[in-house]
N, C-alpha and C. Protein backbone atom coordinates (compact mmCIF):
# COMPACT_ATOMS: atom_id res chain seq x y z
N MET A 1 -12.08 20.52 -18.44
CA MET A 1 -11.23 21.73 -17.73
C MET A 1 -9.39 20.96 -18.12
N PHE A 2 -9.23 21.69 -18.37
CA PHE A 2 -7.62 21.30 -18.82
C PHE A 2 -6.37 21.38 -17.55
N PHE A 3 -5.57 20.58 -17.80
CA PHE A 3 -4.36 20.45 -16.57
C PHE A 3 -3.87 21.85 -15.78
N ALA A 4 -4.05 22.98 -16.38
CA ALA A 4 -3.13 24.35 -15.94
C ALA A 4 -4.39 24.62 -14.92
N TYR A 5 -5.89 24.66 -15.43
CA TYR A 5 -6.94 25.24 -14.56
C TYR A 5 -6.73 24.10 -13.07
N TRP A 6 -6.61 22.66 -13.25
CA TRP A 6 -6.35 21.96 -11.93
C TRP A 6 -5.38 22.21 -11.12
N MET A 7 -4.11 22.59 -11.51
CA MET A 7 -3.08 23.60 -10.91
C MET A 7 -3.41 24.65 -9.95
N ILE A 8 -4.31 25.28 -10.31
CA ILE A 8 -5.08 26.22 -9.79
C ILE A 8 -5.40 25.67 -8.44
N LEU A 9 -6.26 24.67 -8.44
CA LEU A 9 -7.17 23.69 -7.19
C LEU A 9 -5.85 23.73 -6.08
N ALA A 10 -4.88 22.74 -6.73
CA ALA A 10 -3.63 22.06 -6.17
C ALA A 10 -2.89 23.28 -5.53
N ALA A 11 -2.81 24.36 -6.68
CA ALA A 11 -2.04 25.65 -5.23
C ALA A 11 -3.01 25.96 -4.34
N ALA A 12 -4.28 26.14 -4.34
CA ALA A 12 -4.90 26.98 -3.20
C ALA A 12 -5.01 26.18 -2.13
N PHE A 13 -4.65 24.66 -2.16
CA PHE A 13 -4.95 23.82 -1.33
C PHE A 13 -3.46 23.68 -0.60
N MET A 14 -2.74 23.66 -1.04
CA MET A 14 -1.36 23.11 -1.10
C MET A 14 -0.46 23.51 0.58
N PRO A 15 -1.21 24.88 1.22
CA PRO A 15 -0.58 25.27 1.76
C PRO A 15 -1.13 24.47 3.53
N TYR A 16 -2.24 24.27 3.00
CA TYR A 16 -2.83 23.57 4.21
C TYR A 16 -1.95 22.45 4.71
N VAL A 17 -0.96 21.66 3.69
CA VAL A 17 -0.22 20.76 3.99
C VAL A 17 0.70 21.43 5.04
N ALA A 18 1.10 22.57 4.92
CA ALA A 18 2.03 22.95 6.22
C ALA A 18 1.01 23.39 7.17
N THR A 19 0.25 23.44 7.15
CA THR A 19 -0.60 23.88 8.35
C THR A 19 -1.02 22.65 9.18
N VAL A 20 -1.22 21.59 8.41
CA VAL A 20 -1.43 20.65 9.34
C VAL A 20 -0.49 20.14 9.93
N TYR A 21 1.24 19.98 9.42
CA TYR A 21 2.30 19.74 10.04
C TYR A 21 2.82 20.69 11.19
N SER A 22 2.20 22.31 10.82
CA SER A 22 2.55 23.11 12.06
C SER A 22 1.71 23.09 13.24
N LYS A 23 0.58 22.29 13.13
CA LYS A 23 -0.56 22.23 14.22
C LYS A 23 -0.42 20.92 14.64
N ARG A 24 0.26 20.21 14.11
CA ARG A 24 -0.12 18.63 15.14
C ARG A 24 0.10 18.62 16.21
N GLY A 25 -0.54 17.75 16.84
CA GLY A 25 -0.25 18.02 18.48
C GLY A 25 -1.24 18.70 18.96
N ASP A 26 -0.56 19.68 20.63
CA ASP A 26 -1.42 20.35 21.09
C ASP A 26 -2.05 21.91 20.54
N VAL A 27 -2.70 21.71 19.99
CA VAL A 27 -3.30 22.71 19.28
C VAL A 27 -4.37 23.51 20.05
N ASP A 28 -4.07 24.78 20.42
CA ASP A 28 -5.43 25.58 21.23
C ASP A 28 -6.02 26.26 19.87
N ASN A 29 -7.24 25.59 19.78
CA ASN A 29 -8.23 25.89 18.63
C ASN A 29 -8.74 27.52 18.84
N HIS A 30 -8.61 27.83 20.14
CA HIS A 30 -9.52 28.59 20.62
C HIS A 30 -8.87 30.03 19.95
N ALA A 31 -7.64 30.30 20.17
CA ALA A 31 -6.47 30.80 19.68
C ALA A 31 -5.46 30.71 18.69
N PRO A 32 -6.00 30.18 17.19
CA PRO A 32 -4.99 29.44 16.41
C PRO A 32 -3.86 30.54 16.19
N ARG A 33 -3.90 31.35 15.76
CA ARG A 33 -3.10 32.44 15.49
C ARG A 33 -2.20 33.20 16.70
N GLN A 34 -2.60 32.99 18.05
CA GLN A 34 -2.06 33.41 18.92
C GLN A 34 -0.91 32.37 19.04
N TYR A 35 -1.45 30.99 19.18
CA TYR A 35 -0.65 30.00 19.26
C TYR A 35 0.28 29.65 18.40
N ALA A 36 -0.07 29.98 16.92
CA ALA A 36 1.22 29.86 15.93
C ALA A 36 2.32 30.54 16.38
N GLY A 37 2.14 31.90 17.15
CA GLY A 37 3.32 32.59 17.60
C GLY A 37 4.08 32.34 18.80
N THR A 38 3.50 30.90 18.98
CA THR A 38 4.22 30.32 20.35
C THR A 38 5.12 29.06 19.54
N LEU A 39 5.05 28.92 18.65
CA LEU A 39 5.62 27.57 17.44
C LEU A 39 7.20 27.62 17.42
N THR A 40 8.18 27.03 17.65
CA THR A 40 9.32 27.12 17.18
C THR A 40 9.91 26.18 16.15
N GLY A 41 11.30 26.06 15.95
CA GLY A 41 11.81 25.23 15.18
C GLY A 41 10.94 24.75 13.65
N ALA A 42 10.76 23.70 13.52
CA ALA A 42 10.45 23.16 12.32
C ALA A 42 8.84 23.31 12.08
N ARG A 43 8.11 23.50 12.77
CA ARG A 43 6.73 23.56 13.10
C ARG A 43 6.09 25.10 12.99
N GLN A 44 7.53 26.01 13.34
CA GLN A 44 7.41 27.31 13.27
C GLN A 44 7.22 27.61 11.65
N ARG A 45 8.53 26.65 11.19
CA ARG A 45 8.93 27.36 9.50
C ARG A 45 7.96 26.70 8.40
N ALA A 46 7.20 25.75 9.08
CA ALA A 46 5.70 25.21 8.73
C ALA A 46 4.75 26.12 8.53
N ASP A 47 4.74 26.74 9.79
CA ASP A 47 3.71 28.17 9.56
C ASP A 47 3.92 29.19 8.79
N TRP A 48 5.56 29.52 8.68
CA TRP A 48 5.53 30.29 7.75
C TRP A 48 5.76 29.93 6.03
N ALA A 49 5.84 28.95 5.99
CA ALA A 49 5.79 28.03 4.80
C ALA A 49 4.14 28.42 4.29
N GLN A 50 3.66 28.07 5.20
CA GLN A 50 1.88 28.12 4.96
C GLN A 50 1.64 29.64 4.61
N GLN A 51 2.21 30.48 5.23
CA GLN A 51 1.99 31.93 5.17
C GLN A 51 2.18 32.33 3.36
N ASN A 52 3.52 31.86 3.43
CA ASN A 52 3.92 32.44 2.16
C ASN A 52 3.16 31.46 1.10
N GLY A 53 2.42 30.37 1.18
CA GLY A 53 2.06 29.80 0.03
C GLY A 53 0.70 30.39 -0.01
N PHE A 54 -0.12 31.21 0.81
CA PHE A 54 -1.42 32.04 0.70
C PHE A 54 -0.67 33.19 -0.17
N GLU A 55 0.54 33.69 0.11
CA GLU A 55 0.73 34.83 -0.79
C GLU A 55 1.29 34.83 -2.06
N SER A 56 1.92 33.68 -2.13
CA SER A 56 2.07 33.30 -3.70
C SER A 56 0.87 32.77 -4.25
N PHE A 57 0.00 32.61 -3.65
CA PHE A 57 -1.38 31.69 -4.86
C PHE A 57 -2.02 33.00 -5.54
N PRO A 58 -2.22 33.82 -5.08
CA PRO A 58 -3.09 35.09 -5.78
C PRO A 58 -2.25 35.44 -7.45
N ALA A 59 -0.59 35.39 -7.22
CA ALA A 59 -0.14 36.06 -8.70
C ALA A 59 -0.22 34.71 -9.67
N PHE A 60 -0.37 33.28 -8.58
CA PHE A 60 -0.34 32.31 -9.86
C PHE A 60 -1.41 32.35 -9.95
N ALA A 61 -2.54 32.35 -9.38
CA ALA A 61 -3.72 31.76 -10.01
C ALA A 61 -4.39 33.07 -11.03
N ALA A 62 -4.05 34.69 -10.80
CA ALA A 62 -3.75 35.29 -11.82
C ALA A 62 -3.33 34.98 -13.00
N ALA A 63 -1.87 34.31 -13.11
CA ALA A 63 -1.43 34.13 -14.13
C ALA A 63 -1.78 33.02 -15.09
N VAL A 64 -2.40 32.31 -14.46
CA VAL A 64 -2.97 30.91 -15.30
C VAL A 64 -4.32 31.53 -15.66
N ILE A 65 -5.20 32.18 -15.09
CA ILE A 65 -6.41 32.62 -15.81
C ILE A 65 -6.01 33.75 -17.05
N VAL A 66 -5.30 34.78 -16.88
CA VAL A 66 -4.62 35.78 -17.86
C VAL A 66 -4.25 34.97 -19.02
N ALA A 67 -2.93 33.91 -18.99
CA ALA A 67 -2.78 33.28 -19.84
C ALA A 67 -3.60 32.36 -20.35
N GLY A 68 -4.90 31.95 -20.06
CA GLY A 68 -5.79 31.31 -20.38
C GLY A 68 -7.12 31.56 -21.33
N ILE A 69 -7.21 32.95 -20.60
CA ILE A 69 -8.25 33.94 -21.24
C ILE A 69 -7.26 35.10 -22.62
N ALA A 70 -6.12 34.72 -22.78
CA ALA A 70 -5.42 35.20 -23.98
C ALA A 70 -5.15 34.28 -24.98
N GLY A 71 -5.21 32.95 -24.36
CA GLY A 71 -5.08 31.98 -25.76
C GLY A 71 -3.58 31.46 -25.78
N ALA A 72 -3.13 31.42 -24.46
CA ALA A 72 -1.65 30.81 -24.66
C ALA A 72 -1.70 29.60 -24.65
N ALA A 73 -0.79 28.74 -25.28
CA ALA A 73 -0.61 27.47 -25.75
C ALA A 73 -0.81 26.64 -24.64
N HIS A 74 -1.70 25.82 -24.38
CA HIS A 74 -1.87 24.80 -23.82
C HIS A 74 -0.77 24.31 -23.12
N PRO A 75 0.46 23.31 -23.68
CA PRO A 75 0.99 22.80 -23.65
C PRO A 75 1.79 23.51 -22.73
N ALA A 76 2.26 24.76 -22.68
CA ALA A 76 3.37 25.71 -22.36
C ALA A 76 2.81 26.06 -21.07
N MET A 77 1.64 26.39 -20.86
CA MET A 77 1.06 26.44 -19.41
C MET A 77 0.71 25.37 -18.70
N ASN A 78 0.74 24.32 -19.43
CA ASN A 78 0.52 22.84 -18.48
C ASN A 78 2.07 22.65 -17.95
N TRP A 79 3.13 22.62 -18.47
CA TRP A 79 4.41 22.73 -17.82
C TRP A 79 4.60 23.67 -17.07
N LEU A 80 4.49 24.93 -17.14
CA LEU A 80 4.91 25.78 -16.58
C LEU A 80 3.75 26.02 -15.20
N THR A 81 2.54 25.60 -15.15
CA THR A 81 1.90 24.97 -13.71
C THR A 81 2.37 24.09 -13.25
N GLY A 82 2.61 22.75 -13.74
CA GLY A 82 2.73 21.85 -13.46
C GLY A 82 4.15 21.97 -12.80
N ILE A 83 5.36 22.80 -12.99
CA ILE A 83 6.61 22.88 -12.83
C ILE A 83 6.48 23.79 -11.41
N TYR A 84 5.78 24.98 -11.36
CA TYR A 84 5.08 25.70 -10.40
C TYR A 84 5.10 24.60 -9.49
N ILE A 85 3.71 24.21 -9.36
CA ILE A 85 3.17 23.40 -8.20
C ILE A 85 4.49 22.18 -7.85
N ALA A 86 5.09 21.83 -8.57
CA ALA A 86 6.17 20.59 -8.11
C ALA A 86 7.56 21.67 -7.53
N LEU A 87 7.88 22.72 -8.15
CA LEU A 87 8.76 23.61 -7.04
C LEU A 87 8.35 23.98 -5.61
N ARG A 88 6.87 24.29 -5.54
CA ARG A 88 6.27 24.76 -4.33
C ARG A 88 6.46 23.81 -3.34
N ILE A 89 6.31 22.18 -3.69
CA ILE A 89 6.09 21.14 -2.99
C ILE A 89 7.33 21.40 -2.13
N VAL A 90 8.85 21.49 -3.40
CA VAL A 90 10.03 21.43 -2.80
C VAL A 90 10.18 22.76 -1.86
N TYR A 91 9.74 23.50 -2.10
CA TYR A 91 9.93 25.20 -1.37
C TYR A 91 9.51 24.63 0.25
N THR A 92 7.99 23.79 0.29
CA THR A 92 7.79 23.86 1.37
C THR A 92 8.82 22.63 2.54
N PHE A 93 9.16 21.73 1.69
CA PHE A 93 10.28 20.76 2.20
C PHE A 93 11.15 21.77 2.94
N ALA A 94 11.73 22.33 1.64
CA ALA A 94 12.69 23.22 2.26
C ALA A 94 12.85 24.15 3.11
N TYR A 95 11.74 24.73 3.27
CA TYR A 95 11.57 25.34 4.26
C TYR A 95 11.12 24.99 5.97
N ILE A 96 10.40 23.53 5.82
CA ILE A 96 10.48 23.32 7.13
C ILE A 96 11.78 22.66 7.52
N THR A 97 12.51 22.06 6.68
CA THR A 97 14.23 21.45 6.67
C THR A 97 15.06 22.40 6.92
N ASP A 98 14.61 23.85 6.91
CA ASP A 98 15.66 24.84 7.20
C ASP A 98 16.79 24.92 6.34
N ARG A 99 16.30 24.44 4.76
CA ARG A 99 17.53 24.77 3.99
C ARG A 99 17.12 25.94 3.35
N ALA A 100 17.83 26.78 3.76
CA ALA A 100 17.35 28.84 3.26
C ALA A 100 17.69 28.72 1.78
N THR A 101 18.95 28.19 1.40
CA THR A 101 19.40 28.66 0.14
C THR A 101 18.53 27.97 -0.91
N LEU A 102 18.30 26.73 -0.59
CA LEU A 102 17.44 25.98 -1.82
C LEU A 102 16.20 26.69 -2.01
N ARG A 103 15.54 27.04 -0.54
CA ARG A 103 14.31 27.64 -0.76
C ARG A 103 14.29 28.67 -1.12
N SER A 104 15.22 29.64 -1.37
CA SER A 104 15.37 30.83 -1.85
C SER A 104 15.83 30.77 -3.68
N ILE A 105 16.20 29.73 -3.95
CA ILE A 105 16.22 29.22 -5.58
C ILE A 105 15.20 28.62 -5.78
N VAL A 106 14.58 27.96 -5.05
CA VAL A 106 13.30 27.32 -5.53
C VAL A 106 11.98 28.33 -5.54
N PHE A 107 12.11 29.60 -4.81
CA PHE A 107 11.30 30.35 -4.66
C PHE A 107 11.23 31.08 -5.75
N SER A 108 12.56 31.63 -6.33
CA SER A 108 12.82 32.38 -7.55
C SER A 108 12.14 31.82 -8.88
N LEU A 109 12.56 30.30 -8.67
CA LEU A 109 12.13 29.43 -9.73
C LEU A 109 10.81 29.51 -10.09
N SER A 110 9.96 29.47 -8.96
CA SER A 110 8.53 29.80 -9.16
C SER A 110 8.01 30.80 -9.34
N ALA A 111 8.69 31.83 -8.87
CA ALA A 111 8.10 32.83 -9.41
C ALA A 111 8.25 32.98 -10.85
N ALA A 112 9.54 32.67 -11.88
CA ALA A 112 10.02 32.56 -12.77
C ALA A 112 8.82 32.13 -13.66
N CYS A 113 8.00 31.17 -13.19
CA CYS A 113 6.85 29.99 -13.93
C CYS A 113 5.64 31.44 -13.90
N VAL A 114 5.19 32.03 -12.61
CA VAL A 114 4.45 32.87 -12.74
C VAL A 114 4.62 33.67 -14.06
N LEU A 115 6.02 34.49 -13.92
CA LEU A 115 6.39 35.15 -15.04
C LEU A 115 5.96 34.80 -16.37
N GLY A 116 6.52 33.48 -16.54
CA GLY A 116 6.57 32.82 -18.06
C GLY A 116 4.90 32.44 -18.16
N LEU A 117 4.10 32.35 -17.64
CA LEU A 117 2.67 32.40 -17.93
C LEU A 117 2.37 33.81 -18.24
N PHE A 118 2.62 34.75 -17.37
CA PHE A 118 2.31 36.29 -18.30
C PHE A 118 2.75 36.46 -19.49
N VAL A 119 3.86 36.26 -19.61
CA VAL A 119 4.89 36.13 -20.58
C VAL A 119 4.04 35.22 -22.00
N ALA A 120 3.63 34.24 -21.62
CA ALA A 120 2.67 33.28 -22.50
C ALA A 120 1.77 34.17 -22.85
N ALA A 121 0.87 34.70 -21.87
CA ALA A 121 -0.48 35.43 -22.17
C ALA A 121 -0.07 36.82 -23.04
N GLY A 122 0.90 37.34 -22.99
CA GLY A 122 1.39 38.35 -23.64
C GLY A 122 1.62 38.25 -25.39
N LEU A 123 2.33 37.27 -25.33
CA LEU A 123 2.73 36.07 -26.70
C LEU A 123 1.50 35.77 -27.56
N ALA A 124 0.58 35.80 -26.89
CA ALA A 124 -0.59 34.49 -27.22
C ALA A 124 -1.27 35.52 -28.33
């Protein structure tokens, strides 16, 4: 399995880092979604970052799979997927630390990586 496919696995589990941050401490696991609604500040933003991670994952995974099936160049796929993961790490940090402008820029760049994977598939 080449690097780009490993990045699908990384992207699938990345949102859980934010989950751990948002739910540290006094969590009511009997009603976790209701509990998440009571969070404030950085922990609330961590929960939102987690949700966004789960929302962005399907497009990323589809792009990697489609590019792989289409025979896109592996180096291009590896770079785009690696950059995507790095950007999503920065995105999560920016979200939790309330850096809205940075978060928006990084989100756009990570979306461009997904688009790049589809373009690479189309050019293959």
